[in-house]
Amino acid sequence: MPQASRVDPYDAFNFFVELDGIVSASFSEVTGLDSETDVIEYRTGDMRLAVKIPGLHRWSKIVLKRGLTKNLDLWNWREQVIAGKPERRNGSIVLLSADQTPILRINFRNGWPCKWEGPTLNAGTSEVAIETLEIAHEGFDVVGG
């Protein structure tokens, strides 16, 4: 009997983020990579059981976290939304192998920053100041490499 090939899961710590094809920053955390479809129960006439059919598709906001630096690109992008001139961007979260080769891409469409959160400042700690950006978008797809 031939031996099955082993496929190990990917590591979650080796990734980068691109916005419109440009590597934008080193982020320490990305969350919100999920989608959900509403379930509609439908029945006709004298059916005693409901048939479940798909309804609206929903995509969570993508949440990016990184150490705060003098680079204000994310804040400037957010300011455009505040000024009523949102700039929508496509982007990708790219997962890398141990040798830094791209192995998985999550490409989102028409994203714009709906929330920016500055760091929690506390003189009693030595933690890195973290900024958070939430991106509303119109869906994503997952592709290899």
N, C-alpha and C. Protein backbone atom coordinates (compact mmCIF):
# COMPACT_ATOMS: atom_id res chain seq x y z
N MET A 1 0.84 -1.17 0.00
CA MET A 1 0.00 0.00 0.00
C MET A 1 0.89 1.24 0.00
N PRO A 2 0.65 2.20 -0.92
CA PRO A 2 1.49 3.40 -0.96
C PRO A 2 1.25 4.27 0.26
N GLN A 3 2.31 4.91 0.68
CA GLN A 3 2.24 5.78 1.85
C GLN A 3 1.62 7.12 1.45
N ALA A 4 0.67 7.58 2.24
CA ALA A 4 0.02 8.87 1.96
C ALA A 4 1.01 10.00 2.22
N SER A 5 0.97 11.02 1.35
CA SER A 5 1.85 12.16 1.57
C SER A 5 1.28 13.02 2.70
N ARG A 6 2.15 13.51 3.52
CA ARG A 6 1.75 14.31 4.68
C ARG A 6 1.69 15.78 4.28
N VAL A 7 0.62 16.44 4.67
CA VAL A 7 0.46 17.87 4.39
C VAL A 7 0.32 18.58 5.74
N ASP A 8 1.34 19.33 6.10
CA ASP A 8 1.32 20.05 7.37
C ASP A 8 0.56 21.36 7.22
N PRO A 9 -0.11 21.82 8.28
CA PRO A 9 -0.78 23.13 8.21
C PRO A 9 0.25 24.26 8.15
N TYR A 10 -0.19 25.38 7.60
CA TYR A 10 0.69 26.54 7.47
C TYR A 10 0.90 27.23 8.82
N ASP A 11 2.04 27.87 8.96
CA ASP A 11 2.32 28.69 10.15
C ASP A 11 1.58 30.02 10.00
N ALA A 12 1.05 30.53 11.11
CA ALA A 12 0.24 31.75 11.07
C ALA A 12 1.06 33.03 11.29
N PHE A 13 2.36 32.91 11.53
CA PHE A 13 3.14 34.10 11.89
C PHE A 13 3.94 34.69 10.73
N ASN A 14 3.95 34.05 9.58
CA ASN A 14 4.81 34.46 8.48
C ASN A 14 3.95 34.99 7.33
N PHE A 15 3.69 36.29 7.32
CA PHE A 15 2.79 36.87 6.32
C PHE A 15 3.14 38.33 6.08
N PHE A 16 2.59 38.89 5.00
CA PHE A 16 2.66 40.34 4.79
C PHE A 16 1.35 40.79 4.15
N VAL A 17 1.14 42.11 4.13
CA VAL A 17 -0.08 42.70 3.60
C VAL A 17 0.29 43.62 2.45
N GLU A 18 -0.47 43.52 1.36
CA GLU A 18 -0.31 44.42 0.21
C GLU A 18 -1.58 45.25 0.06
N LEU A 19 -1.42 46.51 -0.30
CA LEU A 19 -2.55 47.36 -0.64
C LEU A 19 -2.31 47.88 -2.04
N ASP A 20 -3.19 47.52 -2.97
CA ASP A 20 -3.03 47.84 -4.39
C ASP A 20 -1.67 47.42 -4.93
N GLY A 21 -1.23 46.21 -4.56
CA GLY A 21 -0.02 45.63 -5.11
C GLY A 21 1.27 46.10 -4.48
N ILE A 22 1.19 46.96 -3.47
CA ILE A 22 2.39 47.47 -2.81
C ILE A 22 2.44 46.90 -1.40
N VAL A 23 3.58 46.34 -1.02
CA VAL A 23 3.71 45.85 0.35
C VAL A 23 3.66 47.07 1.25
N SER A 24 2.61 47.15 2.08
CA SER A 24 2.38 48.40 2.80
C SER A 24 3.06 48.48 4.16
N ALA A 25 3.15 47.39 4.87
CA ALA A 25 3.72 47.48 6.20
C ALA A 25 3.86 46.09 6.80
N SER A 26 4.62 46.03 7.86
CA SER A 26 4.74 44.79 8.61
C SER A 26 3.69 44.81 9.70
N PHE A 27 2.71 43.96 9.58
CA PHE A 27 1.64 43.88 10.56
C PHE A 27 1.91 42.72 11.49
N SER A 28 1.53 42.90 12.75
CA SER A 28 1.74 41.83 13.73
C SER A 28 0.54 40.91 13.82
N GLU A 29 -0.63 41.38 13.34
CA GLU A 29 -1.83 40.57 13.45
C GLU A 29 -2.84 40.96 12.38
N VAL A 30 -3.50 39.96 11.81
CA VAL A 30 -4.61 40.17 10.88
C VAL A 30 -5.75 39.28 11.35
N THR A 31 -6.94 39.88 11.52
CA THR A 31 -8.12 39.10 11.88
C THR A 31 -9.28 39.54 10.99
N GLY A 32 -10.39 38.84 11.11
CA GLY A 32 -11.58 39.20 10.34
C GLY A 32 -11.65 38.53 8.98
N LEU A 33 -10.86 37.49 8.77
CA LEU A 33 -10.87 36.81 7.48
C LEU A 33 -11.94 35.72 7.50
N ASP A 34 -13.20 36.16 7.49
CA ASP A 34 -14.28 35.19 7.49
C ASP A 34 -15.45 35.72 6.68
N SER A 35 -16.28 34.80 6.24
CA SER A 35 -17.49 35.16 5.52
C SER A 35 -18.62 34.27 6.02
N GLU A 36 -19.83 34.74 5.81
CA GLU A 36 -21.01 34.02 6.28
C GLU A 36 -22.14 34.25 5.30
N THR A 37 -22.97 33.25 5.12
CA THR A 37 -24.15 33.36 4.27
C THR A 37 -25.39 33.15 5.12
N ASP A 38 -26.33 34.08 5.00
CA ASP A 38 -27.60 33.92 5.73
C ASP A 38 -28.31 32.67 5.23
N VAL A 39 -29.02 32.01 6.14
CA VAL A 39 -29.82 30.84 5.79
C VAL A 39 -31.28 31.26 5.79
N ILE A 40 -31.95 31.05 4.66
CA ILE A 40 -33.36 31.38 4.53
C ILE A 40 -34.14 30.07 4.51
N GLU A 41 -35.10 29.97 5.41
CA GLU A 41 -35.96 28.79 5.42
C GLU A 41 -37.18 29.08 4.56
N TYR A 42 -37.44 28.18 3.61
CA TYR A 42 -38.49 28.39 2.62
C TYR A 42 -39.37 27.15 2.56
N ARG A 43 -40.65 27.38 2.50
CA ARG A 43 -41.56 26.26 2.30
C ARG A 43 -42.74 26.74 1.47
N THR A 44 -43.34 25.82 0.74
CA THR A 44 -44.50 26.15 -0.07
C THR A 44 -45.65 25.22 0.29
N GLY A 45 -46.84 25.72 0.10
CA GLY A 45 -48.04 24.90 0.28
C GLY A 45 -48.07 24.12 1.58
N ASP A 46 -48.27 22.83 1.46
CA ASP A 46 -48.43 21.99 2.64
C ASP A 46 -47.13 21.30 3.05
N MET A 47 -46.00 21.83 2.63
CA MET A 47 -44.72 21.23 3.04
C MET A 47 -44.60 21.33 4.55
N ARG A 48 -44.24 20.25 5.20
CA ARG A 48 -44.10 20.25 6.65
C ARG A 48 -42.66 20.57 7.06
N LEU A 49 -41.75 20.46 6.13
CA LEU A 49 -40.35 20.77 6.40
C LEU A 49 -39.91 21.94 5.53
N ALA A 50 -39.10 22.79 6.10
CA ALA A 50 -38.59 23.94 5.35
C ALA A 50 -37.33 23.54 4.60
N VAL A 51 -37.19 24.07 3.41
CA VAL A 51 -35.97 23.90 2.62
C VAL A 51 -35.07 25.08 2.97
N LYS A 52 -33.82 24.83 3.17
CA LYS A 52 -32.88 25.91 3.51
C LYS A 52 -32.14 26.33 2.25
N ILE A 53 -32.22 27.64 1.96
CA ILE A 53 -31.55 28.17 0.78
C ILE A 53 -30.62 29.32 1.20
N PRO A 54 -29.57 29.55 0.40
CA PRO A 54 -28.65 30.63 0.75
C PRO A 54 -29.25 32.00 0.52
N GLY A 55 -28.93 32.92 1.44
CA GLY A 55 -29.38 34.30 1.33
C GLY A 55 -28.21 35.23 1.06
N LEU A 56 -28.18 36.37 1.75
CA LEU A 56 -27.12 37.35 1.56
C LEU A 56 -25.78 36.84 2.09
N HIS A 57 -24.72 37.20 1.41
CA HIS A 57 -23.36 36.88 1.84
C HIS A 57 -22.81 38.08 2.60
N ARG A 58 -22.13 37.81 3.70
CA ARG A 58 -21.55 38.87 4.52
C ARG A 58 -20.06 38.58 4.73
N TRP A 59 -19.29 39.67 4.72
CA TRP A 59 -17.85 39.58 4.94
C TRP A 59 -17.50 40.43 6.15
N SER A 60 -16.77 39.88 7.07
CA SER A 60 -16.35 40.66 8.24
C SER A 60 -15.32 41.71 7.84
N LYS A 61 -15.17 42.71 8.68
CA LYS A 61 -14.13 43.71 8.46
C LYS A 61 -12.77 43.06 8.70
N ILE A 62 -11.80 43.40 7.88
CA ILE A 62 -10.43 42.93 8.09
C ILE A 62 -9.78 43.88 9.09
N VAL A 63 -9.18 43.33 10.12
CA VAL A 63 -8.55 44.13 11.17
C VAL A 63 -7.05 43.91 11.11
N LEU A 64 -6.31 45.00 10.90
CA LEU A 64 -4.85 44.96 10.81
C LEU A 64 -4.25 45.66 12.03
N LYS A 65 -3.24 45.04 12.63
CA LYS A 65 -2.56 45.64 13.78
C LYS A 65 -1.07 45.67 13.50
N ARG A 66 -0.46 46.81 13.85
CA ARG A 66 0.99 46.95 13.69
C ARG A 66 1.53 47.93 14.72
N GLY A 67 2.84 47.87 14.92
CA GLY A 67 3.49 48.84 15.78
C GLY A 67 3.43 50.22 15.15
N LEU A 68 3.09 51.21 15.95
CA LEU A 68 2.98 52.59 15.48
C LEU A 68 4.36 53.14 15.15
N THR A 69 4.50 53.73 13.95
CA THR A 69 5.76 54.34 13.52
C THR A 69 5.46 55.74 12.98
N LYS A 70 6.48 56.40 12.45
CA LYS A 70 6.27 57.73 11.88
C LYS A 70 5.57 57.67 10.52
N ASN A 71 5.42 56.47 9.94
CA ASN A 71 4.73 56.30 8.67
C ASN A 71 3.23 56.50 8.89
N LEU A 72 2.66 57.54 8.27
CA LEU A 72 1.26 57.90 8.46
C LEU A 72 0.37 57.48 7.29
N ASP A 73 0.83 56.57 6.44
CA ASP A 73 0.05 56.17 5.27
C ASP A 73 -1.34 55.63 5.63
N LEU A 74 -1.44 54.80 6.66
CA LEU A 74 -2.74 54.25 7.05
C LEU A 74 -3.66 55.35 7.58
N TRP A 75 -3.11 56.24 8.40
CA TRP A 75 -3.92 57.35 8.91
C TRP A 75 -4.37 58.26 7.78
N ASN A 76 -3.48 58.56 6.84
CA ASN A 76 -3.84 59.43 5.72
C ASN A 76 -4.95 58.80 4.87
N TRP A 77 -4.90 57.47 4.70
CA TRP A 77 -5.96 56.77 3.96
C TRP A 77 -7.28 56.91 4.72
N ARG A 78 -7.24 56.77 6.03
CA ARG A 78 -8.44 56.93 6.86
C ARG A 78 -8.97 58.37 6.79
N GLU A 79 -8.08 59.35 6.78
CA GLU A 79 -8.49 60.76 6.71
C GLU A 79 -9.28 61.05 5.43
N GLN A 80 -8.97 60.38 4.34
CA GLN A 80 -9.72 60.57 3.10
C GLN A 80 -11.19 60.20 3.29
N VAL A 81 -11.44 59.13 4.05
CA VAL A 81 -12.82 58.72 4.32
C VAL A 81 -13.51 59.78 5.17
N ILE A 82 -12.82 60.28 6.20
CA ILE A 82 -13.38 61.31 7.07
C ILE A 82 -13.72 62.56 6.27
N ALA A 83 -12.90 62.89 5.28
CA ALA A 83 -13.12 64.06 4.44
C ALA A 83 -14.19 63.83 3.37
N GLY A 84 -14.78 62.62 3.34
CA GLY A 84 -15.84 62.34 2.36
C GLY A 84 -15.32 61.93 1.00
N LYS A 85 -14.05 61.57 0.91
CA LYS A 85 -13.44 61.17 -0.36
C LYS A 85 -12.78 59.79 -0.20
N PRO A 86 -13.58 58.74 0.09
CA PRO A 86 -12.97 57.44 0.32
C PRO A 86 -12.29 56.89 -0.93
N GLU A 87 -11.08 56.40 -0.72
CA GLU A 87 -10.34 55.75 -1.81
C GLU A 87 -10.39 54.25 -1.56
N ARG A 88 -11.09 53.55 -2.44
CA ARG A 88 -11.19 52.09 -2.31
C ARG A 88 -9.94 51.44 -2.90
N ARG A 89 -9.45 50.44 -2.18
CA ARG A 89 -8.25 49.74 -2.64
C ARG A 89 -8.47 48.24 -2.57
N ASN A 90 -7.85 47.54 -3.49
CA ASN A 90 -7.79 46.09 -3.42
C ASN A 90 -6.54 45.73 -2.64
N GLY A 91 -6.55 44.59 -2.01
CA GLY A 91 -5.39 44.21 -1.23
C GLY A 91 -5.29 42.71 -1.07
N SER A 92 -4.20 42.29 -0.46
CA SER A 92 -3.94 40.87 -0.23
C SER A 92 -3.26 40.67 1.10
N ILE A 93 -3.59 39.57 1.73
CA ILE A 93 -2.83 39.07 2.86
C ILE A 93 -2.12 37.84 2.31
N VAL A 94 -0.80 37.85 2.34
CA VAL A 94 -0.01 36.80 1.71
C VAL A 94 0.69 35.99 2.79
N LEU A 95 0.39 34.70 2.81
CA LEU A 95 1.01 33.77 3.76
C LEU A 95 2.27 33.21 3.13
N LEU A 96 3.35 33.14 3.91
CA LEU A 96 4.65 32.70 3.39
C LEU A 96 5.07 31.37 4.02
N SER A 97 5.86 30.62 3.26
CA SER A 97 6.45 29.40 3.79
C SER A 97 7.68 29.76 4.62
N ALA A 98 8.30 28.77 5.21
CA ALA A 98 9.49 29.00 6.03
C ALA A 98 10.62 29.64 5.24
N ASP A 99 10.68 29.37 3.92
CA ASP A 99 11.74 29.97 3.09
C ASP A 99 11.28 31.26 2.40
N GLN A 100 10.19 31.88 2.92
CA GLN A 100 9.66 33.17 2.46
C GLN A 100 9.01 33.12 1.08
N THR A 101 8.60 31.94 0.62
CA THR A 101 7.90 31.79 -0.65
C THR A 101 6.40 31.96 -0.41
N PRO A 102 5.71 32.81 -1.21
CA PRO A 102 4.26 32.94 -1.05
C PRO A 102 3.57 31.60 -1.30
N ILE A 103 2.70 31.19 -0.37
CA ILE A 103 2.01 29.91 -0.52
C ILE A 103 0.49 30.06 -0.54
N LEU A 104 -0.01 31.21 -0.08
CA LEU A 104 -1.45 31.42 -0.06
C LEU A 104 -1.73 32.92 -0.07
N ARG A 105 -2.71 33.33 -0.88
CA ARG A 105 -3.10 34.74 -0.95
C ARG A 105 -4.59 34.86 -0.65
N ILE A 106 -4.93 35.81 0.20
CA ILE A 106 -6.33 36.16 0.44
C ILE A 106 -6.50 37.57 -0.12
N ASN A 107 -7.18 37.66 -1.26
CA ASN A 107 -7.32 38.92 -1.99
C ASN A 107 -8.68 39.53 -1.70
N PHE A 108 -8.69 40.75 -1.13
CA PHE A 108 -9.95 41.43 -0.88
C PHE A 108 -10.18 42.53 -1.91
N ARG A 109 -11.48 42.87 -2.11
CA ARG A 109 -11.87 43.82 -3.14
C ARG A 109 -12.52 45.08 -2.55
N ASN A 110 -12.19 46.21 -3.13
CA ASN A 110 -12.86 47.49 -2.83
C ASN A 110 -12.87 47.82 -1.34
N GLY A 111 -11.72 47.71 -0.70
CA GLY A 111 -11.62 47.99 0.72
C GLY A 111 -11.41 49.48 1.00
N TRP A 112 -11.90 49.90 2.15
CA TRP A 112 -11.68 51.27 2.62
C TRP A 112 -11.66 51.25 4.15
N PRO A 113 -10.86 52.11 4.76
CA PRO A 113 -10.71 52.09 6.22
C PRO A 113 -11.92 52.69 6.92
N CYS A 114 -12.63 51.87 7.68
CA CYS A 114 -13.83 52.34 8.38
C CYS A 114 -13.53 52.68 9.84
N LYS A 115 -12.35 52.29 10.34
CA LYS A 115 -12.00 52.61 11.73
C LYS A 115 -10.49 52.57 11.88
N TRP A 116 -9.95 53.57 12.57
CA TRP A 116 -8.54 53.60 12.97
C TRP A 116 -8.51 53.75 14.48
N GLU A 117 -7.67 52.97 15.13
CA GLU A 117 -7.56 53.07 16.58
C GLU A 117 -6.10 53.26 16.96
N GLY A 118 -5.83 54.29 17.71
CA GLY A 118 -4.48 54.56 18.17
C GLY A 118 -4.09 53.66 19.32
N PRO A 119 -2.85 53.77 19.76
CA PRO A 119 -2.35 52.88 20.81
C PRO A 119 -2.89 53.24 22.19
N THR A 120 -2.88 52.25 23.07
CA THR A 120 -3.12 52.48 24.48
C THR A 120 -1.79 52.88 25.09
N LEU A 121 -1.73 54.05 25.68
CA LEU A 121 -0.48 54.54 26.24
C LEU A 121 -0.49 54.37 27.76
N ASN A 122 0.60 53.80 28.27
CA ASN A 122 0.70 53.53 29.70
C ASN A 122 2.16 53.60 30.10
N ALA A 123 2.52 54.57 30.91
CA ALA A 123 3.91 54.77 31.31
C ALA A 123 4.44 53.63 32.18
N GLY A 124 3.56 52.78 32.70
CA GLY A 124 3.98 51.69 33.57
C GLY A 124 4.32 50.41 32.85
N THR A 125 4.28 50.40 31.50
CA THR A 125 4.62 49.19 30.75
C THR A 125 5.70 49.49 29.73
N SER A 126 6.23 48.44 29.14
CA SER A 126 7.24 48.60 28.09
C SER A 126 6.76 47.97 26.78
N GLU A 127 5.45 47.93 26.59
CA GLU A 127 4.88 47.33 25.39
C GLU A 127 5.01 48.27 24.19
N VAL A 128 4.96 47.69 23.00
CA VAL A 128 5.00 48.45 21.75
C VAL A 128 3.66 49.15 21.56
N ALA A 129 3.69 50.40 21.10
CA ALA A 129 2.46 51.14 20.78
C ALA A 129 1.87 50.55 19.49
N ILE A 130 0.63 50.09 19.56
CA ILE A 130 -0.01 49.40 18.44
C ILE A 130 -1.12 50.26 17.86
N GLU A 131 -1.14 50.39 16.53
CA GLU A 131 -2.27 51.03 15.85
C GLU A 131 -3.08 49.94 15.17
N THR A 132 -4.40 50.16 15.08
CA THR A 132 -5.32 49.19 14.49
C THR A 132 -6.10 49.86 13.39
N LEU A 133 -6.23 49.17 12.26
CA LEU A 133 -7.02 49.67 11.14
C LEU A 133 -8.03 48.61 10.76
N GLU A 134 -9.31 49.01 10.67
CA GLU A 134 -10.36 48.11 10.22
C GLU A 134 -10.74 48.49 8.80
N ILE A 135 -10.79 47.48 7.93
CA ILE A 135 -11.09 47.70 6.52
C ILE A 135 -12.41 47.02 6.16
N ALA A 136 -13.39 47.82 5.72
CA ALA A 136 -14.63 47.27 5.17
C ALA A 136 -14.34 46.94 3.71
N HIS A 137 -14.89 45.86 3.22
CA HIS A 137 -14.60 45.45 1.84
C HIS A 137 -15.79 44.71 1.26
N GLU A 138 -15.70 44.36 -0.01
CA GLU A 138 -16.80 43.72 -0.71
C GLU A 138 -16.52 42.27 -1.07
N GLY A 139 -15.72 41.61 -0.24
CA GLY A 139 -15.47 40.19 -0.43
C GLY A 139 -14.02 39.88 -0.70
N PHE A 140 -13.68 38.60 -0.52
CA PHE A 140 -12.32 38.15 -0.80
C PHE A 140 -12.35 36.77 -1.41
N ASP A 141 -11.23 36.40 -2.03
CA ASP A 141 -11.06 35.04 -2.50
C ASP A 141 -9.72 34.52 -2.00
N VAL A 142 -9.60 33.22 -1.94
CA VAL A 142 -8.40 32.57 -1.44
C VAL A 142 -7.78 31.78 -2.58
N VAL A 143 -6.51 32.07 -2.88
CA VAL A 143 -5.83 31.38 -3.97
C VAL A 143 -4.45 30.91 -3.51
N GLY A 144 -3.96 29.86 -4.10
CA GLY A 144 -2.63 29.37 -3.78
C GLY A 144 -1.55 30.24 -4.37
N GLY A 145 -0.43 30.36 -3.66
CA GLY A 145 0.76 31.08 -4.09
C GLY A 145 0.48 32.42 -4.55
